[in-house]
Amino acid sequence: MTDAPNAATPARRVLRGRPYSISEFARKYRLDDKEAKRLYEKFGPSATELDLLMAAKRRPPGLPSSLDA
């Protein structure tokens, strides 16, 4: 027996900030559902991570958010 982790089990990501729902993320950045889902699955639900990603892409939020206060 080995102590190696199971390669089939994905590593857990640390959630930074509160989680976005896909629809909330898409609405905030005016993304179509397909693109929002792709980014959400690739980078996770963290609002902090997704906001940083969109800032790096120079995509400002489309709608004011009560979370930005």
C-alpha atoms as a PDB file:
ATOM      1  CA  MET A   1       0.000   0.000   0.000  1.00  0.00           C
ATOM      2  CA  THR A   2       1.153   3.508  -0.736  1.00  0.00           C
ATOM      3  CA  ASP A   3       0.409   6.744   1.047  1.00  0.00           C
ATOM      4  CA  ALA A   4       0.088   8.638  -2.244  1.00  0.00           C
ATOM      5  CA  PRO A   5      -3.150  10.604  -2.616  1.00  0.00           C
ATOM      6  CA  ASN A   6      -5.719   9.244  -5.023  1.00  0.00           C
ATOM      7  CA  ALA A   7      -5.098  10.899  -8.409  1.00  0.00           C
ATOM      8  CA  ALA A   8      -8.817  10.687  -9.244  1.00  0.00           C
ATOM      9  CA  THR A   9      -9.747  12.924  -6.298  1.00  0.00           C
ATOM     10  CA  PRO A  10      -9.474  16.613  -7.205  1.00  0.00           C
ATOM     11  CA  ALA A  11      -7.626  18.899  -4.807  1.00  0.00           C
ATOM     12  CA  ARG A  12      -9.826  21.166  -2.745  1.00  0.00           C
ATOM     13  CA  ARG A  13      -9.569  24.874  -3.405  1.00  0.00           C
ATOM     14  CA  VAL A  14      -9.586  27.400  -0.613  1.00  0.00           C
ATOM     15  CA  LEU A  15     -12.565  29.702  -1.013  1.00  0.00           C
ATOM     16  CA  ARG A  16     -11.505  33.339  -0.783  1.00  0.00           C
ATOM     17  CA  GLY A  17     -14.384  35.693  -0.147  1.00  0.00           C
ATOM     18  CA  ARG A  18     -18.004  34.769  -0.499  1.00  0.00           C
ATOM     19  CA  PRO A  19     -19.131  32.517  -3.348  1.00  0.00           C
ATOM     20  CA  TYR A  20     -20.890  33.866  -6.455  1.00  0.00           C
ATOM     21  CA  SER A  21     -23.683  32.006  -8.150  1.00  0.00           C
ATOM     22  CA  ILE A  22     -23.122  31.594 -11.886  1.00  0.00           C
ATOM     23  CA  SER A  23     -26.117  33.807 -12.685  1.00  0.00           C
ATOM     24  CA  GLU A  24     -24.918  36.548 -10.320  1.00  0.00           C
ATOM     25  CA  PHE A  25     -21.432  36.466 -11.859  1.00  0.00           C
ATOM     26  CA  ALA A  26     -22.839  36.549 -15.420  1.00  0.00           C
ATOM     27  CA  ARG A  27     -25.170  39.434 -14.585  1.00  0.00           C
ATOM     28  CA  LYS A  28     -22.494  41.491 -12.833  1.00  0.00           C
ATOM     29  CA  TYR A  29     -20.040  41.265 -15.748  1.00  0.00           C
ATOM     30  CA  ARG A  30     -22.612  41.050 -18.572  1.00  0.00           C
ATOM     31  CA  LEU A  31     -21.405  37.627 -19.685  1.00  0.00           C
ATOM     32  CA  ASP A  32     -23.421  35.093 -21.643  1.00  0.00           C
ATOM     33  CA  ASP A  33     -24.289  31.933 -19.727  1.00  0.00           C
ATOM     34  CA  LYS A  34     -21.767  29.755 -21.584  1.00  0.00           C
ATOM     35  CA  GLU A  35     -18.784  32.043 -20.836  1.00  0.00           C
ATOM     36  CA  ALA A  36     -19.825  32.609 -17.223  1.00  0.00           C
ATOM     37  CA  LYS A  37     -20.103  28.855 -16.646  1.00  0.00           C
ATOM     38  CA  ARG A  38     -16.712  28.208 -18.284  1.00  0.00           C
ATOM     39  CA  LEU A  39     -14.936  30.766 -16.078  1.00  0.00           C
ATOM     40  CA  TYR A  40     -16.842  29.666 -12.970  1.00  0.00           C
ATOM     41  CA  GLU A  41     -15.836  26.024 -13.493  1.00  0.00           C
ATOM     42  CA  LYS A  42     -12.226  26.914 -14.265  1.00  0.00           C
ATOM     43  CA  PHE A  43     -11.625  29.406 -11.435  1.00  0.00           C
ATOM     44  CA  GLY A  44     -14.210  28.376  -8.839  1.00  0.00           C
ATOM     45  CA  PRO A  45     -17.041  30.230  -7.110  1.00  0.00           C
ATOM     46  CA  SER A  46     -14.912  32.692  -5.103  1.00  0.00           C
ATOM     47  CA  ALA A  47     -16.104  36.268  -5.642  1.00  0.00           C
ATOM     48  CA  THR A  48     -12.597  37.520  -4.828  1.00  0.00           C
ATOM     49  CA  GLU A  49     -10.938  35.274  -7.428  1.00  0.00           C
ATOM     50  CA  LEU A  50     -13.509  36.006 -10.140  1.00  0.00           C
ATOM     51  CA  ASP A  51     -13.402  39.764  -9.503  1.00  0.00           C
ATOM     52  CA  LEU A  52      -9.596  39.689  -9.764  1.00  0.00           C
ATOM     53  CA  LEU A  53      -9.835  37.708 -13.000  1.00  0.00           C
ATOM     54  CA  MET A  54     -12.252  40.175 -14.535  1.00  0.00           C
ATOM     55  CA  ALA A  55     -10.121  43.139 -13.401  1.00  0.00           C
ATOM     56  CA  ALA A  56      -7.111  41.529 -15.098  1.00  0.00           C
ATOM     57  CA  LYS A  57      -9.214  41.178 -18.254  1.00  0.00           C
ATOM     58  CA  ARG A  58     -10.176  44.862 -17.852  1.00  0.00           C
ATOM     59  CA  ARG A  59     -13.871  43.999 -17.640  1.00  0.00           C
ATOM     60  CA  PRO A  60     -15.458  46.343 -15.090  1.00  0.00           C
ATOM     61  CA  PRO A  61     -18.687  45.283 -13.430  1.00  0.00           C
ATOM     62  CA  GLY A  62     -21.746  46.251 -15.453  1.00  0.00           C
ATOM     63  CA  LEU A  63     -24.083  46.749 -12.543  1.00  0.00           C
ATOM     64  CA  PRO A  64     -23.421  48.267  -9.133  1.00  0.00           C
ATOM     65  CA  SER A  65     -23.384  45.613  -6.481  1.00  0.00           C
ATOM     66  CA  SER A  66     -24.420  45.924  -2.869  1.00  0.00           C
ATOM     67  CA  LEU A  67     -21.293  43.880  -2.120  1.00  0.00           C
ATOM     68  CA  ASP A  68     -18.999  46.654  -3.370  1.00  0.00           C
ATOM     69  CA  ALA A  69     -20.007  48.992  -0.544  1.00  0.00           C
END
